[in-house]
Amino acid sequence: MSFKLVVLVYSDTWELFLFIIKIIAFASKRDIWKFINPSLDAEPTLLTLIDPLIATSVVAKKTTLV
């Protein structure tokens, strides 16, 4: 995961910054606004990620998943 540090030095830039972040959050297909919405009364519970599935055996002659 990559990220970029943003420091809001002057309070007059906060509203524009939040507007841009809100537009990006709504435009994404992942529905992340519920996790970064500054108007929430309580901090949201973060989802836990499952461990990635790992194939335990591979049959080279198989052509379907069934």
C-alpha atoms as a PDB file:
ATOM      1  CA  MET A   1       0.000   0.000   0.000  1.00  0.00           C
ATOM      2  CA  SER A   2       1.354   3.409  -0.828  1.00  0.00           C
ATOM      3  CA  PHE A   3       0.484   6.695   0.778  1.00  0.00           C
ATOM      4  CA  LYS A   4       1.463  10.316   0.661  1.00  0.00           C
ATOM      5  CA  LEU A   5       1.795  12.425   3.769  1.00  0.00           C
ATOM      6  CA  VAL A   6      -0.329  15.570   3.679  1.00  0.00           C
ATOM      7  CA  VAL A   7       0.147  18.305   6.255  1.00  0.00           C
ATOM      8  CA  LEU A   8      -2.555  20.950   6.396  1.00  0.00           C
ATOM      9  CA  VAL A   9      -0.698  23.972   7.735  1.00  0.00           C
ATOM     10  CA  TYR A  10      -3.345  26.645   7.243  1.00  0.00           C
ATOM     11  CA  SER A  11      -6.957  26.135   8.255  1.00  0.00           C
ATOM     12  CA  ASP A  12      -8.209  27.842   5.099  1.00  0.00           C
ATOM     13  CA  THR A  13      -7.036  24.810   3.054  1.00  0.00           C
ATOM     14  CA  TRP A  14      -8.840  22.185   5.143  1.00  0.00           C
ATOM     15  CA  GLU A  15     -12.237  22.590   3.512  1.00  0.00           C
ATOM     16  CA  LEU A  16     -10.824  22.248  -0.002  1.00  0.00           C
ATOM     17  CA  PHE A  17      -8.715  19.254   1.041  1.00  0.00           C
ATOM     18  CA  LEU A  18     -11.714  17.475   2.596  1.00  0.00           C
ATOM     19  CA  PHE A  19     -13.819  18.253  -0.469  1.00  0.00           C
ATOM     20  CA  ILE A  20     -11.235  16.664  -2.760  1.00  0.00           C
ATOM     21  CA  ILE A  21     -10.842  13.623  -0.499  1.00  0.00           C
ATOM     22  CA  LYS A  22     -14.619  13.236  -0.286  1.00  0.00           C
ATOM     23  CA  ILE A  23     -14.957  13.311  -4.083  1.00  0.00           C
ATOM     24  CA  ILE A  24     -12.214  10.699  -4.439  1.00  0.00           C
ATOM     25  CA  ALA A  25     -13.792   8.530  -1.728  1.00  0.00           C
ATOM     26  CA  PHE A  26     -17.232   8.662  -3.354  1.00  0.00           C
ATOM     27  CA  ALA A  27     -15.794   8.051  -6.817  1.00  0.00           C
ATOM     28  CA  SER A  28     -13.984   4.912  -5.751  1.00  0.00           C
ATOM     29  CA  LYS A  29     -15.892   1.656  -5.898  1.00  0.00           C
ATOM     30  CA  ARG A  30     -14.732   0.673  -2.421  1.00  0.00           C
ATOM     31  CA  ASP A  31     -17.059   2.893  -0.368  1.00  0.00           C
ATOM     32  CA  ILE A  32     -14.282   4.234   1.862  1.00  0.00           C
ATOM     33  CA  TRP A  33     -16.024   7.486   2.852  1.00  0.00           C
ATOM     34  CA  LYS A  34     -17.580   5.753   5.881  1.00  0.00           C
ATOM     35  CA  PHE A  35     -14.032   5.278   7.222  1.00  0.00           C
ATOM     36  CA  ILE A  36     -12.726   8.818   6.654  1.00  0.00           C
ATOM     37  CA  ASN A  37     -15.846  10.939   7.182  1.00  0.00           C
ATOM     38  CA  PRO A  38     -14.847  13.640   9.712  1.00  0.00           C
ATOM     39  CA  SER A  39     -18.504  14.144  10.724  1.00  0.00           C
ATOM     40  CA  LEU A  40     -18.871  10.708  12.317  1.00  0.00           C
ATOM     41  CA  ASP A  41     -19.751  10.643  16.011  1.00  0.00           C
ATOM     42  CA  ALA A  42     -17.745   7.482  16.670  1.00  0.00           C
ATOM     43  CA  GLU A  43     -14.668   6.012  15.056  1.00  0.00           C
ATOM     44  CA  PRO A  44     -15.671   3.237  12.624  1.00  0.00           C
ATOM     45  CA  THR A  45     -14.597  -0.346  13.124  1.00  0.00           C
ATOM     46  CA  LEU A  46     -12.046  -1.357  10.549  1.00  0.00           C
ATOM     47  CA  LEU A  47     -12.594  -4.564   8.656  1.00  0.00           C
ATOM     48  CA  THR A  48     -10.178  -7.396   9.196  1.00  0.00           C
ATOM     49  CA  LEU A  49      -8.660  -8.902   6.109  1.00  0.00           C
ATOM     50  CA  ILE A  50      -8.644 -12.641   5.640  1.00  0.00           C
ATOM     51  CA  ASP A  51      -5.451 -14.483   4.883  1.00  0.00           C
ATOM     52  CA  PRO A  52      -4.992 -15.011   1.154  1.00  0.00           C
ATOM     53  CA  LEU A  53      -6.048 -18.409  -0.112  1.00  0.00           C
ATOM     54  CA  ILE A  54      -3.221 -20.685  -1.166  1.00  0.00           C
ATOM     55  CA  ALA A  55      -3.539 -23.572  -3.591  1.00  0.00           C
ATOM     56  CA  THR A  56      -2.535 -26.790  -1.880  1.00  0.00           C
ATOM     57  CA  SER A  57      -2.364 -28.892  -5.002  1.00  0.00           C
ATOM     58  CA  VAL A  58      -2.240 -28.286  -8.731  1.00  0.00           C
ATOM     59  CA  VAL A  59      -3.356 -30.800 -11.352  1.00  0.00           C
ATOM     60  CA  ALA A  60      -1.832 -29.812 -14.677  1.00  0.00           C
ATOM     61  CA  LYS A  61      -4.395 -31.713 -16.788  1.00  0.00           C
ATOM     62  CA  LYS A  62      -7.437 -29.993 -15.240  1.00  0.00           C
ATOM     63  CA  THR A  63      -9.282 -27.554 -17.509  1.00  0.00           C
ATOM     64  CA  THR A  64     -12.095 -26.518 -15.130  1.00  0.00           C
ATOM     65  CA  LEU A  65     -12.394 -25.549 -11.493  1.00  0.00           C
ATOM     66  CA  VAL A  66     -14.903 -28.305 -10.724  1.00  0.00           C
END
